[in-house]
Amino acid sequence: MYSFLRIIAKIIFAVVNGNIHVKNKAKLPDGNYILVGPHRAWFDMIVFALVASPKKFTFLAKKELFNNFILRYILNKVNAVPVDRDNPGPSVIKDPVKILKQTDLSIVIFPSGTRHSEDLKAGAILIAKLSGTPMVPVVYQGPLSFKKLFTRKPITVSFGDPIYVDRKLKINTETEQKLEQEMQASFDQLDRSINPDFKYVDVSKKAK
């Protein structure tokens, strides 16, 4: 089912936009890994999964999406992990770790959690440590709404150097901050490498 859905998504993006560019794909490691990046469009995780093909991915998805029958069917088919943002619980860490260790699926995680937050969360770091898989920074620059995709303005995705978390590392406030700063520095560098003048503007806040 995943391969079929990926083909459908590729066709849709090719027809609607057809202007996707990828930088530094050679930096993607062998085996499983965690793609971490700022969440800028509701479909950017789909773009990440497409351009990192043939690797297969799953996602962390807010539990509300599973209330829709069609979305629930699709999310279950791609092994998406439901997340209760108000009460995350241990499964939000345990399930991704299990997937990374026991399947051939990698995971896309947005450390900020939402498109409207700039705060990095420690979840991706802990998942990387417990699963023994690296975090790979990635950024998306391009249209921020599905409607804007039809303008065929370019989409650029750039991958950064993998960030490895030592399994013996003690996770505390200091080590979390250091790794979060490393992630953010990578996001900033990748953005500059695509467009030195780039500045993300949250369209929801702009509308207000």
N, C-alpha and C. Protein backbone atom coordinates (compact mmCIF):
# COMPACT_ATOMS: atom_id res chain seq x y z
N MET A 1 0.82 -1.21 0.00
CA MET A 1 0.00 0.00 0.00
C MET A 1 0.86 1.26 0.00
N TYR A 2 1.97 1.25 0.79
CA TYR A 2 2.83 2.43 0.85
C TYR A 2 3.35 2.79 -0.54
N SER A 3 3.85 1.79 -1.26
CA SER A 3 4.41 2.05 -2.59
C SER A 3 3.35 2.61 -3.54
N PHE A 4 2.13 2.08 -3.43
CA PHE A 4 1.04 2.58 -4.28
C PHE A 4 0.72 4.03 -3.94
N LEU A 5 0.61 4.35 -2.65
CA LEU A 5 0.31 5.72 -2.24
C LEU A 5 1.43 6.67 -2.64
N ARG A 6 2.67 6.19 -2.61
CA ARG A 6 3.79 7.04 -3.02
C ARG A 6 3.71 7.37 -4.50
N ILE A 7 3.33 6.39 -5.30
CA ILE A 7 3.18 6.63 -6.75
C ILE A 7 2.09 7.67 -7.01
N ILE A 8 0.96 7.53 -6.30
CA ILE A 8 -0.14 8.48 -6.45
C ILE A 8 0.32 9.89 -6.06
N ALA A 9 1.04 10.00 -4.94
CA ALA A 9 1.51 11.30 -4.48
C ALA A 9 2.50 11.91 -5.48
N LYS A 10 3.37 11.09 -6.05
CA LYS A 10 4.33 11.59 -7.04
C LYS A 10 3.61 12.14 -8.25
N ILE A 11 2.59 11.44 -8.69
CA ILE A 11 1.83 11.89 -9.87
C ILE A 11 1.14 13.22 -9.56
N ILE A 12 0.53 13.32 -8.37
CA ILE A 12 -0.18 14.55 -8.00
C ILE A 12 0.79 15.74 -7.97
N PHE A 13 1.93 15.57 -7.32
CA PHE A 13 2.88 16.67 -7.24
C PHE A 13 3.48 17.02 -8.61
N ALA A 14 3.68 16.00 -9.44
CA ALA A 14 4.22 16.25 -10.78
C ALA A 14 3.24 17.06 -11.62
N VAL A 15 1.95 16.74 -11.52
CA VAL A 15 0.93 17.43 -12.29
C VAL A 15 0.68 18.84 -11.75
N VAL A 16 0.57 18.93 -10.42
CA VAL A 16 0.21 20.21 -9.79
C VAL A 16 1.37 21.19 -9.78
N ASN A 17 2.58 20.68 -9.49
CA ASN A 17 3.73 21.58 -9.35
C ASN A 17 4.85 21.25 -10.34
N GLY A 18 5.38 20.04 -10.26
CA GLY A 18 6.40 19.61 -11.22
C GLY A 18 7.69 20.40 -11.17
N ASN A 19 8.01 20.99 -10.01
CA ASN A 19 9.20 21.84 -9.93
C ASN A 19 9.92 21.62 -8.60
N ILE A 20 10.18 20.33 -8.29
CA ILE A 20 10.83 19.97 -7.03
C ILE A 20 12.33 19.75 -7.25
N HIS A 21 13.12 20.36 -6.38
CA HIS A 21 14.57 20.24 -6.45
C HIS A 21 15.10 19.68 -5.12
N VAL A 22 16.11 18.83 -5.20
CA VAL A 22 16.65 18.17 -4.01
C VAL A 22 18.15 18.43 -3.91
N LYS A 23 18.58 18.79 -2.71
CA LYS A 23 20.01 19.04 -2.47
C LYS A 23 20.52 18.10 -1.39
N ASN A 24 21.73 17.61 -1.59
CA ASN A 24 22.46 16.82 -0.59
C ASN A 24 21.81 15.48 -0.25
N LYS A 25 21.15 14.85 -1.21
CA LYS A 25 20.53 13.56 -0.92
C LYS A 25 21.57 12.51 -0.56
N ALA A 26 22.79 12.69 -1.02
CA ALA A 26 23.86 11.73 -0.72
C ALA A 26 24.18 11.69 0.77
N LYS A 27 23.72 12.69 1.53
CA LYS A 27 23.99 12.70 2.96
C LYS A 27 23.07 11.75 3.74
N LEU A 28 22.04 11.24 3.09
CA LEU A 28 21.15 10.30 3.78
C LEU A 28 21.91 9.01 4.08
N PRO A 29 21.90 8.57 5.34
CA PRO A 29 22.66 7.37 5.71
C PRO A 29 21.96 6.09 5.28
N ASP A 30 22.72 5.01 5.31
CA ASP A 30 22.13 3.70 5.08
C ASP A 30 21.31 3.32 6.32
N GLY A 31 20.38 2.41 6.13
CA GLY A 31 19.57 1.98 7.27
C GLY A 31 18.52 3.00 7.63
N ASN A 32 17.93 2.82 8.81
CA ASN A 32 16.87 3.73 9.25
C ASN A 32 17.44 5.01 9.84
N TYR A 33 16.63 6.05 9.80
CA TYR A 33 17.02 7.34 10.38
C TYR A 33 15.75 8.15 10.64
N ILE A 34 15.94 9.28 11.32
CA ILE A 34 14.83 10.17 11.66
C ILE A 34 15.03 11.48 10.91
N LEU A 35 14.11 11.80 10.02
CA LEU A 35 14.16 13.11 9.36
C LEU A 35 13.56 14.13 10.31
N VAL A 36 14.32 15.16 10.64
CA VAL A 36 13.82 16.22 11.52
C VAL A 36 13.91 17.55 10.79
N GLY A 37 12.85 18.32 10.87
CA GLY A 37 12.86 19.60 10.18
C GLY A 37 11.77 20.52 10.69
N PRO A 38 11.84 21.80 10.36
CA PRO A 38 10.76 22.72 10.71
C PRO A 38 9.52 22.42 9.87
N HIS A 39 8.36 22.46 10.51
CA HIS A 39 7.08 22.13 9.86
C HIS A 39 6.50 23.41 9.25
N ARG A 40 6.51 23.50 7.91
CA ARG A 40 6.13 24.76 7.26
C ARG A 40 4.87 24.67 6.40
N ALA A 41 4.52 23.49 5.94
CA ALA A 41 3.30 23.29 5.15
C ALA A 41 2.70 21.96 5.56
N TRP A 42 1.38 21.83 5.45
CA TRP A 42 0.76 20.58 5.94
C TRP A 42 1.22 19.38 5.14
N PHE A 43 1.76 19.62 3.93
CA PHE A 43 2.17 18.51 3.06
C PHE A 43 3.68 18.34 2.99
N ASP A 44 4.46 19.09 3.78
CA ASP A 44 5.91 18.99 3.62
C ASP A 44 6.45 17.62 3.99
N MET A 45 5.78 16.92 4.93
CA MET A 45 6.26 15.58 5.27
C MET A 45 6.10 14.62 4.09
N ILE A 46 5.08 14.85 3.26
CA ILE A 46 4.88 14.03 2.06
C ILE A 46 6.01 14.29 1.07
N VAL A 47 6.36 15.57 0.91
CA VAL A 47 7.46 15.92 0.01
C VAL A 47 8.76 15.29 0.48
N PHE A 48 9.03 15.36 1.80
CA PHE A 48 10.25 14.74 2.34
C PHE A 48 10.30 13.25 2.01
N ALA A 49 9.19 12.56 2.22
CA ALA A 49 9.14 11.12 1.97
C ALA A 49 9.32 10.81 0.49
N LEU A 50 8.79 11.68 -0.37
CA LEU A 50 8.92 11.45 -1.82
C LEU A 50 10.36 11.62 -2.28
N VAL A 51 11.01 12.69 -1.86
CA VAL A 51 12.35 12.97 -2.38
C VAL A 51 13.41 12.06 -1.76
N ALA A 52 13.10 11.45 -0.61
CA ALA A 52 14.05 10.52 0.01
C ALA A 52 13.84 9.09 -0.48
N SER A 53 12.92 8.90 -1.41
CA SER A 53 12.67 7.59 -2.02
C SER A 53 13.98 7.03 -2.56
N PRO A 54 14.21 5.71 -2.49
CA PRO A 54 13.24 4.64 -2.24
C PRO A 54 13.01 4.30 -0.77
N LYS A 55 13.65 5.01 0.13
CA LYS A 55 13.42 4.75 1.55
C LYS A 55 11.95 4.96 1.88
N LYS A 56 11.41 4.12 2.75
CA LYS A 56 10.02 4.25 3.16
C LYS A 56 9.94 4.87 4.56
N PHE A 57 8.86 5.62 4.78
CA PHE A 57 8.73 6.38 6.02
C PHE A 57 7.38 6.18 6.68
N THR A 58 7.36 6.50 7.96
CA THR A 58 6.10 6.67 8.67
C THR A 58 6.17 8.02 9.37
N PHE A 59 5.08 8.39 10.04
CA PHE A 59 4.97 9.73 10.58
C PHE A 59 4.33 9.71 11.96
N LEU A 60 4.57 10.77 12.72
CA LEU A 60 3.81 11.01 13.94
C LEU A 60 2.66 11.93 13.53
N ALA A 61 1.43 11.54 13.83
CA ALA A 61 0.27 12.32 13.40
C ALA A 61 -0.64 12.59 14.59
N LYS A 62 -1.17 13.81 14.69
CA LYS A 62 -2.06 14.12 15.80
C LYS A 62 -3.27 13.19 15.76
N LYS A 63 -3.70 12.77 16.93
CA LYS A 63 -4.73 11.73 17.03
C LYS A 63 -6.04 12.14 16.37
N GLU A 64 -6.30 13.46 16.29
CA GLU A 64 -7.55 13.94 15.70
C GLU A 64 -7.69 13.52 14.25
N LEU A 65 -6.57 13.35 13.55
CA LEU A 65 -6.62 12.95 12.15
C LEU A 65 -7.20 11.55 11.99
N PHE A 66 -7.08 10.73 13.03
CA PHE A 66 -7.57 9.35 12.97
C PHE A 66 -9.09 9.28 13.14
N ASN A 67 -9.71 10.41 13.44
CA ASN A 67 -11.17 10.42 13.58
C ASN A 67 -11.87 10.34 12.24
N ASN A 68 -11.16 10.75 11.18
CA ASN A 68 -11.71 10.67 9.83
C ASN A 68 -11.46 9.27 9.27
N PHE A 69 -12.51 8.61 8.80
CA PHE A 69 -12.39 7.22 8.34
C PHE A 69 -11.35 7.06 7.23
N ILE A 70 -11.41 7.94 6.24
CA ILE A 70 -10.49 7.82 5.10
C ILE A 70 -9.05 8.08 5.54
N LEU A 71 -8.85 9.15 6.31
CA LEU A 71 -7.51 9.46 6.79
C LEU A 71 -6.99 8.35 7.70
N ARG A 72 -7.86 7.82 8.55
CA ARG A 72 -7.46 6.74 9.45
C ARG A 72 -6.98 5.53 8.67
N TYR A 73 -7.69 5.20 7.60
CA TYR A 73 -7.30 4.06 6.76
C TYR A 73 -5.91 4.28 6.16
N ILE A 74 -5.69 5.48 5.61
CA ILE A 74 -4.40 5.79 4.98
C ILE A 74 -3.29 5.82 6.02
N LEU A 75 -3.54 6.48 7.15
CA LEU A 75 -2.52 6.59 8.19
C LEU A 75 -2.14 5.22 8.75
N ASN A 76 -3.13 4.36 8.93
CA ASN A 76 -2.84 3.01 9.41
C ASN A 76 -2.02 2.22 8.39
N LYS A 77 -2.27 2.44 7.12
CA LYS A 77 -1.54 1.73 6.08
C LYS A 77 -0.07 2.15 6.01
N VAL A 78 0.22 3.38 6.45
CA VAL A 78 1.62 3.82 6.45
C VAL A 78 2.20 3.78 7.87
N ASN A 79 1.52 3.04 8.76
CA ASN A 79 2.01 2.81 10.12
C ASN A 79 2.21 4.10 10.92
N ALA A 80 1.39 5.12 10.64
CA ALA A 80 1.51 6.37 11.37
C ALA A 80 1.21 6.17 12.85
N VAL A 81 1.91 6.94 13.68
CA VAL A 81 1.76 6.84 15.14
C VAL A 81 0.88 7.98 15.62
N PRO A 82 -0.29 7.68 16.22
CA PRO A 82 -1.15 8.75 16.72
C PRO A 82 -0.56 9.40 17.96
N VAL A 83 -0.64 10.72 18.01
CA VAL A 83 -0.07 11.46 19.14
C VAL A 83 -1.15 12.34 19.77
N ASP A 84 -1.31 12.19 21.07
CA ASP A 84 -2.19 13.06 21.83
C ASP A 84 -1.34 14.22 22.32
N ARG A 85 -1.49 15.38 21.71
CA ARG A 85 -0.62 16.51 22.04
C ARG A 85 -0.82 17.00 23.47
N ASP A 86 -2.03 16.84 24.00
CA ASP A 86 -2.29 17.30 25.35
C ASP A 86 -1.75 16.33 26.40
N ASN A 87 -1.81 15.04 26.10
CA ASN A 87 -1.31 14.00 26.99
C ASN A 87 -0.53 12.96 26.18
N PRO A 88 0.72 13.29 25.80
CA PRO A 88 1.48 12.42 24.89
C PRO A 88 1.63 10.98 25.36
N GLY A 89 1.99 10.76 26.61
CA GLY A 89 2.15 9.40 27.12
C GLY A 89 3.42 8.74 26.60
N PRO A 90 3.83 7.62 27.18
CA PRO A 90 5.07 6.93 26.81
C PRO A 90 5.07 6.35 25.41
N SER A 91 3.89 6.07 24.85
CA SER A 91 3.83 5.45 23.52
C SER A 91 4.38 6.36 22.43
N VAL A 92 4.37 7.68 22.65
CA VAL A 92 4.87 8.61 21.64
C VAL A 92 6.38 8.43 21.45
N ILE A 93 7.04 7.84 22.43
CA ILE A 93 8.46 7.51 22.32
C ILE A 93 8.64 6.04 21.98
N LYS A 94 7.92 5.17 22.70
CA LYS A 94 8.10 3.73 22.54
C LYS A 94 7.73 3.23 21.14
N ASP A 95 6.63 3.72 20.58
CA ASP A 95 6.19 3.23 19.27
C ASP A 95 7.18 3.58 18.16
N PRO A 96 7.65 4.84 18.06
CA PRO A 96 8.65 5.14 17.04
C PRO A 96 9.95 4.35 17.21
N VAL A 97 10.38 4.17 18.46
CA VAL A 97 11.60 3.41 18.71
C VAL A 97 11.43 1.97 18.21
N LYS A 98 10.27 1.38 18.49
CA LYS A 98 9.99 0.01 18.05
C LYS A 98 10.00 -0.08 16.53
N ILE A 99 9.39 0.90 15.86
CA ILE A 99 9.35 0.91 14.40
C ILE A 99 10.76 1.00 13.82
N LEU A 100 11.56 1.90 14.37
CA LEU A 100 12.92 2.10 13.86
C LEU A 100 13.81 0.88 14.07
N LYS A 101 13.60 0.16 15.17
CA LYS A 101 14.43 -0.99 15.50
C LYS A 101 13.96 -2.28 14.86
N GLN A 102 12.64 -2.39 14.57
CA GLN A 102 12.10 -3.68 14.15
C GLN A 102 11.56 -3.70 12.72
N THR A 103 11.55 -2.57 12.03
CA THR A 103 11.06 -2.54 10.65
C THR A 103 12.08 -1.85 9.75
N ASP A 104 11.75 -1.75 8.47
CA ASP A 104 12.62 -1.04 7.54
C ASP A 104 12.13 0.39 7.30
N LEU A 105 11.27 0.88 8.18
CA LEU A 105 10.72 2.23 8.04
C LEU A 105 11.53 3.26 8.81
N SER A 106 11.79 4.38 8.16
CA SER A 106 12.33 5.54 8.86
C SER A 106 11.16 6.44 9.25
N ILE A 107 11.44 7.51 9.97
CA ILE A 107 10.37 8.35 10.51
C ILE A 107 10.63 9.82 10.22
N VAL A 108 9.57 10.54 9.91
CA VAL A 108 9.63 12.00 9.80
C VAL A 108 9.06 12.59 11.08
N ILE A 109 9.85 13.43 11.75
CA ILE A 109 9.42 14.07 12.99
C ILE A 109 9.69 15.57 12.89
N PHE A 110 8.71 16.35 13.27
CA PHE A 110 8.90 17.80 13.35
C PHE A 110 9.12 18.16 14.81
N PRO A 111 10.36 18.51 15.19
CA PRO A 111 10.65 18.80 16.60
C PRO A 111 9.78 19.91 17.18
N SER A 112 9.31 20.84 16.33
CA SER A 112 8.47 21.92 16.82
C SER A 112 7.07 21.43 17.13
N GLY A 113 6.70 20.28 16.58
CA GLY A 113 5.38 19.72 16.84
C GLY A 113 4.32 20.23 15.90
N THR A 114 4.29 21.55 15.65
CA THR A 114 3.27 22.13 14.77
C THR A 114 3.91 23.11 13.82
N ARG A 115 3.13 23.57 12.84
CA ARG A 115 3.62 24.56 11.89
C ARG A 115 3.71 25.95 12.51
N HIS A 116 3.13 26.12 13.68
CA HIS A 116 3.01 27.45 14.25
C HIS A 116 3.84 27.62 15.53
N SER A 117 4.87 26.79 15.66
CA SER A 117 5.73 26.86 16.84
C SER A 117 7.19 26.80 16.39
N GLU A 118 8.03 27.55 17.09
CA GLU A 118 9.46 27.55 16.80
C GLU A 118 10.24 26.84 17.90
N ASP A 119 9.54 26.28 18.88
CA ASP A 119 10.20 25.62 20.00
C ASP A 119 10.54 24.18 19.63
N LEU A 120 11.80 23.81 19.80
CA LEU A 120 12.23 22.44 19.55
C LEU A 120 11.87 21.58 20.76
N LYS A 121 11.44 20.38 20.48
CA LYS A 121 11.08 19.46 21.56
C LYS A 121 12.15 18.37 21.67
N ALA A 122 12.19 17.73 22.83
CA ALA A 122 13.23 16.73 23.10
C ALA A 122 12.87 15.35 22.59
N GLY A 123 11.63 15.14 22.11
CA GLY A 123 11.19 13.82 21.72
C GLY A 123 12.06 13.16 20.68
N ALA A 124 12.40 13.89 19.62
CA ALA A 124 13.22 13.33 18.55
C ALA A 124 14.58 12.89 19.08
N ILE A 125 15.13 13.67 19.99
CA ILE A 125 16.44 13.35 20.58
C ILE A 125 16.37 12.04 21.35
N LEU A 126 15.34 11.88 22.16
CA LEU A 126 15.20 10.66 22.96
C LEU A 126 14.95 9.45 22.07
N ILE A 127 14.14 9.63 21.03
CA ILE A 127 13.88 8.52 20.10
C ILE A 127 15.17 8.11 19.40
N ALA A 128 15.99 9.09 19.01
CA ALA A 128 17.27 8.80 18.35
C ALA A 128 18.19 8.03 19.29
N LYS A 129 18.24 8.44 20.54
CA LYS A 129 19.10 7.77 21.51
C LYS A 129 18.66 6.33 21.75
N LEU A 130 17.37 6.12 22.00
CA LEU A 130 16.88 4.79 22.34
C LEU A 130 16.88 3.83 21.16
N SER A 131 16.71 4.36 19.97
CA SER A 131 16.67 3.50 18.78
C SER A 131 18.04 3.29 18.15
N GLY A 132 19.00 4.15 18.52
CA GLY A 132 20.33 4.05 17.93
C GLY A 132 20.38 4.50 16.49
N THR A 133 19.43 5.36 16.08
CA THR A 133 19.39 5.86 14.70
C THR A 133 19.68 7.35 14.68
N PRO A 134 20.33 7.84 13.63
CA PRO A 134 20.67 9.26 13.57
C PRO A 134 19.48 10.13 13.19
N MET A 135 19.57 11.40 13.57
CA MET A 135 18.63 12.41 13.11
C MET A 135 19.24 13.10 11.89
N VAL A 136 18.46 13.24 10.83
CA VAL A 136 18.94 13.92 9.63
C VAL A 136 18.15 15.22 9.46
N PRO A 137 18.79 16.38 9.62
CA PRO A 137 18.09 17.65 9.43
C PRO A 137 17.65 17.82 7.97
N VAL A 138 16.48 18.41 7.79
CA VAL A 138 15.95 18.65 6.44
C VAL A 138 15.10 19.91 6.48
N VAL A 139 15.16 20.69 5.41
CA VAL A 139 14.31 21.88 5.33
C VAL A 139 13.55 21.90 4.01
N TYR A 140 12.40 22.53 4.06
CA TYR A 140 11.54 22.72 2.89
C TYR A 140 11.40 24.20 2.63
N GLN A 141 11.63 24.60 1.38
CA GLN A 141 11.32 25.96 0.95
C GLN A 141 10.45 25.86 -0.29
N GLY A 142 9.33 26.55 -0.27
CA GLY A 142 8.43 26.49 -1.41
C GLY A 142 7.05 26.95 -1.03
N PRO A 143 6.06 26.71 -1.87
CA PRO A 143 4.67 27.10 -1.58
C PRO A 143 4.21 26.51 -0.25
N LEU A 144 3.42 27.28 0.50
CA LEU A 144 3.01 26.86 1.82
C LEU A 144 1.57 26.38 1.89
N SER A 145 0.85 26.44 0.78
CA SER A 145 -0.52 25.93 0.73
C SER A 145 -0.68 25.14 -0.55
N PHE A 146 -1.66 24.22 -0.55
CA PHE A 146 -1.89 23.41 -1.74
C PHE A 146 -2.25 24.29 -2.93
N LYS A 147 -3.01 25.32 -2.68
CA LYS A 147 -3.39 26.25 -3.75
C LYS A 147 -2.17 26.88 -4.39
N LYS A 148 -1.19 27.26 -3.57
CA LYS A 148 0.02 27.90 -4.07
C LYS A 148 0.88 26.96 -4.91
N LEU A 149 0.71 25.65 -4.69
CA LEU A 149 1.48 24.69 -5.49
C LEU A 149 1.18 24.86 -6.98
N PHE A 150 -0.05 25.26 -7.30
CA PHE A 150 -0.45 25.40 -8.69
C PHE A 150 0.27 26.55 -9.40
N THR A 151 0.92 27.43 -8.65
CA THR A 151 1.71 28.50 -9.27
C THR A 151 3.00 27.94 -9.88
N ARG A 152 3.30 26.69 -9.53
CA ARG A 152 4.49 25.99 -10.02
C ARG A 152 5.79 26.70 -9.63
N LYS A 153 5.72 27.46 -8.54
CA LYS A 153 6.95 28.03 -8.00
C LYS A 153 7.80 26.89 -7.44
N PRO A 154 9.12 27.04 -7.49
CA PRO A 154 9.99 25.92 -7.12
C PRO A 154 9.86 25.48 -5.67
N ILE A 155 10.00 24.18 -5.49
CA ILE A 155 10.10 23.57 -4.16
C ILE A 155 11.53 23.05 -4.04
N THR A 156 12.19 23.40 -2.95
CA THR A 156 13.54 22.89 -2.72
C THR A 156 13.60 22.22 -1.36
N VAL A 157 14.16 21.02 -1.36
CA VAL A 157 14.38 20.26 -0.12
C VAL A 157 15.87 20.01 0.00
N SER A 158 16.42 20.31 1.16
CA SER A 158 17.86 20.11 1.37
C SER A 158 18.10 19.31 2.64
N PHE A 159 18.97 18.31 2.55
CA PHE A 159 19.31 17.45 3.68
C PHE A 159 20.65 17.88 4.28
N GLY A 160 20.75 17.75 5.60
CA GLY A 160 21.99 18.10 6.29
C GLY A 160 22.76 16.88 6.76
N ASP A 161 23.86 17.13 7.43
CA ASP A 161 24.67 16.04 7.97
C ASP A 161 23.93 15.35 9.12
N PRO A 162 23.96 14.02 9.16
CA PRO A 162 23.30 13.29 10.25
C PRO A 162 23.84 13.70 11.62
N ILE A 163 22.94 13.74 12.59
CA ILE A 163 23.30 14.03 13.98
C ILE A 163 23.13 12.74 14.78
N TYR A 164 24.22 12.27 15.34
CA TYR A 164 24.18 11.01 16.09
C TYR A 164 24.11 11.30 17.60
N VAL A 165 23.26 10.55 18.28
CA VAL A 165 23.11 10.70 19.72
C VAL A 165 23.67 9.44 20.38
N ASP A 166 24.74 9.61 21.13
CA ASP A 166 25.37 8.48 21.82
C ASP A 166 24.36 7.81 22.75
N ARG A 167 24.21 6.50 22.64
CA ARG A 167 23.24 5.77 23.46
C ARG A 167 23.61 5.83 24.94
N LYS A 168 24.87 6.17 25.24
CA LYS A 168 25.30 6.29 26.64
C LYS A 168 25.12 7.71 27.17
N LEU A 169 24.71 8.62 26.29
CA LEU A 169 24.56 10.01 26.70
C LEU A 169 23.42 10.18 27.69
N LYS A 170 23.67 10.89 28.75
CA LYS A 170 22.63 11.19 29.73
C LYS A 170 21.81 12.37 29.23
N ILE A 171 20.52 12.15 29.05
CA ILE A 171 19.66 13.21 28.55
C ILE A 171 19.20 14.09 29.71
N ASN A 172 19.67 15.32 29.71
CA ASN A 172 19.25 16.30 30.71
C ASN A 172 19.07 17.64 30.01
N THR A 173 18.76 18.66 30.76
CA THR A 173 18.50 19.98 30.16
C THR A 173 19.69 20.46 29.35
N GLU A 174 20.89 20.27 29.86
CA GLU A 174 22.08 20.75 29.17
C GLU A 174 22.30 20.03 27.84
N THR A 175 22.22 18.69 27.86
CA THR A 175 22.46 17.95 26.62
C THR A 175 21.33 18.17 25.62
N GLU A 176 20.09 18.31 26.11
CA GLU A 176 18.97 18.61 25.22
C GLU A 176 19.20 19.93 24.50
N GLN A 177 19.57 20.96 25.26
CA GLN A 177 19.78 22.27 24.68
C GLN A 177 20.90 22.26 23.64
N LYS A 178 21.95 21.52 23.93
CA LYS A 178 23.08 21.44 23.00
C LYS A 178 22.66 20.80 21.68
N LEU A 179 21.91 19.69 21.76
CA LEU A 179 21.47 19.01 20.55
C LEU A 179 20.41 19.83 19.81
N GLU A 180 19.53 20.50 20.54
CA GLU A 180 18.54 21.35 19.90
C GLU A 180 19.21 22.51 19.16
N GLN A 181 20.25 23.07 19.77
CA GLN A 181 20.99 24.14 19.11
C GLN A 181 21.69 23.63 17.85
N GLU A 182 22.20 22.40 17.92
CA GLU A 182 22.84 21.80 16.75
C GLU A 182 21.83 21.60 15.62
N MET A 183 20.63 21.15 15.99
CA MET A 183 19.57 20.99 14.99
C MET A 183 19.20 22.33 14.36
N GLN A 184 18.97 23.33 15.22
CA GLN A 184 18.56 24.63 14.71
C GLN A 184 19.64 25.26 13.83
N ALA A 185 20.90 25.10 14.22
CA ALA A 185 22.00 25.62 13.42
C ALA A 185 22.04 24.96 12.04
N SER A 186 21.72 23.67 12.01
CA SER A 186 21.69 22.96 10.73
C SER A 186 20.53 23.46 9.87
N PHE A 187 19.35 23.64 10.48
CA PHE A 187 18.21 24.17 9.73
C PHE A 187 18.56 25.53 9.13
N ASP A 188 19.17 26.39 9.93
CA ASP A 188 19.52 27.74 9.47
C ASP A 188 20.52 27.69 8.32
N GLN A 189 21.52 26.80 8.46
CA GLN A 189 22.54 26.69 7.41
C GLN A 189 21.94 26.16 6.12
N LEU A 190 21.04 25.18 6.22
CA LEU A 190 20.41 24.63 5.04
C LEU A 190 19.54 25.68 4.35
N ASP A 191 18.80 26.45 5.14
CA ASP A 191 17.98 27.51 4.56
C ASP A 191 18.85 28.52 3.81
N ARG A 192 19.95 28.92 4.43
CA ARG A 192 20.84 29.90 3.77
C ARG A 192 21.44 29.34 2.50
N SER A 193 21.73 28.04 2.48
CA SER A 193 22.34 27.44 1.29
C SER A 193 21.38 27.43 0.11
N ILE A 194 20.08 27.41 0.41
CA ILE A 194 19.08 27.47 -0.66
C ILE A 194 18.83 28.90 -1.08
N ASN A 195 18.62 29.76 -0.08
CA ASN A 195 18.35 31.17 -0.34
C ASN A 195 18.86 31.99 0.85
N PRO A 196 19.95 32.74 0.66
CA PRO A 196 20.53 33.51 1.77
C PRO A 196 19.55 34.51 2.39
N ASP A 197 18.53 34.90 1.65
CA ASP A 197 17.57 35.89 2.14
C ASP A 197 16.28 35.25 2.66
N PHE A 198 16.28 33.93 2.77
CA PHE A 198 15.04 33.24 3.16
C PHE A 198 14.62 33.60 4.58
N LYS A 199 13.32 33.82 4.75
CA LYS A 199 12.73 34.00 6.07
C LYS A 199 11.34 33.39 6.04
N TYR A 200 11.12 32.41 6.90
CA TYR A 200 9.82 31.74 6.93
C TYR A 200 8.78 32.66 7.56
N VAL A 201 7.65 32.77 6.90
CA VAL A 201 6.53 33.55 7.42
C VAL A 201 5.33 32.62 7.57
N ASP A 202 4.89 32.45 8.81
CA ASP A 202 3.73 31.59 9.09
C ASP A 202 2.49 32.26 8.50
N VAL A 203 1.90 31.63 7.48
CA VAL A 203 0.78 32.24 6.78
C VAL A 203 -0.42 32.44 7.69
N SER A 204 -0.60 31.57 8.71
CA SER A 204 -1.74 31.72 9.62
C SER A 204 -1.58 32.98 10.47
N LYS A 205 -0.36 33.25 10.91
CA LYS A 205 -0.11 34.45 11.70
C LYS A 205 -0.17 35.69 10.83
N LYS A 206 0.30 35.56 9.59
CA LYS A 206 0.28 36.68 8.66
C LYS A 206 -1.15 37.11 8.39
N ALA A 207 -2.05 36.12 8.28
CA ALA A 207 -3.45 36.42 7.98
C ALA A 207 -4.10 37.20 9.11
N LYS A 208 -3.63 36.95 10.34
CA LYS A 208 -4.18 37.66 11.49
C LYS A 208 -3.68 39.10 11.54
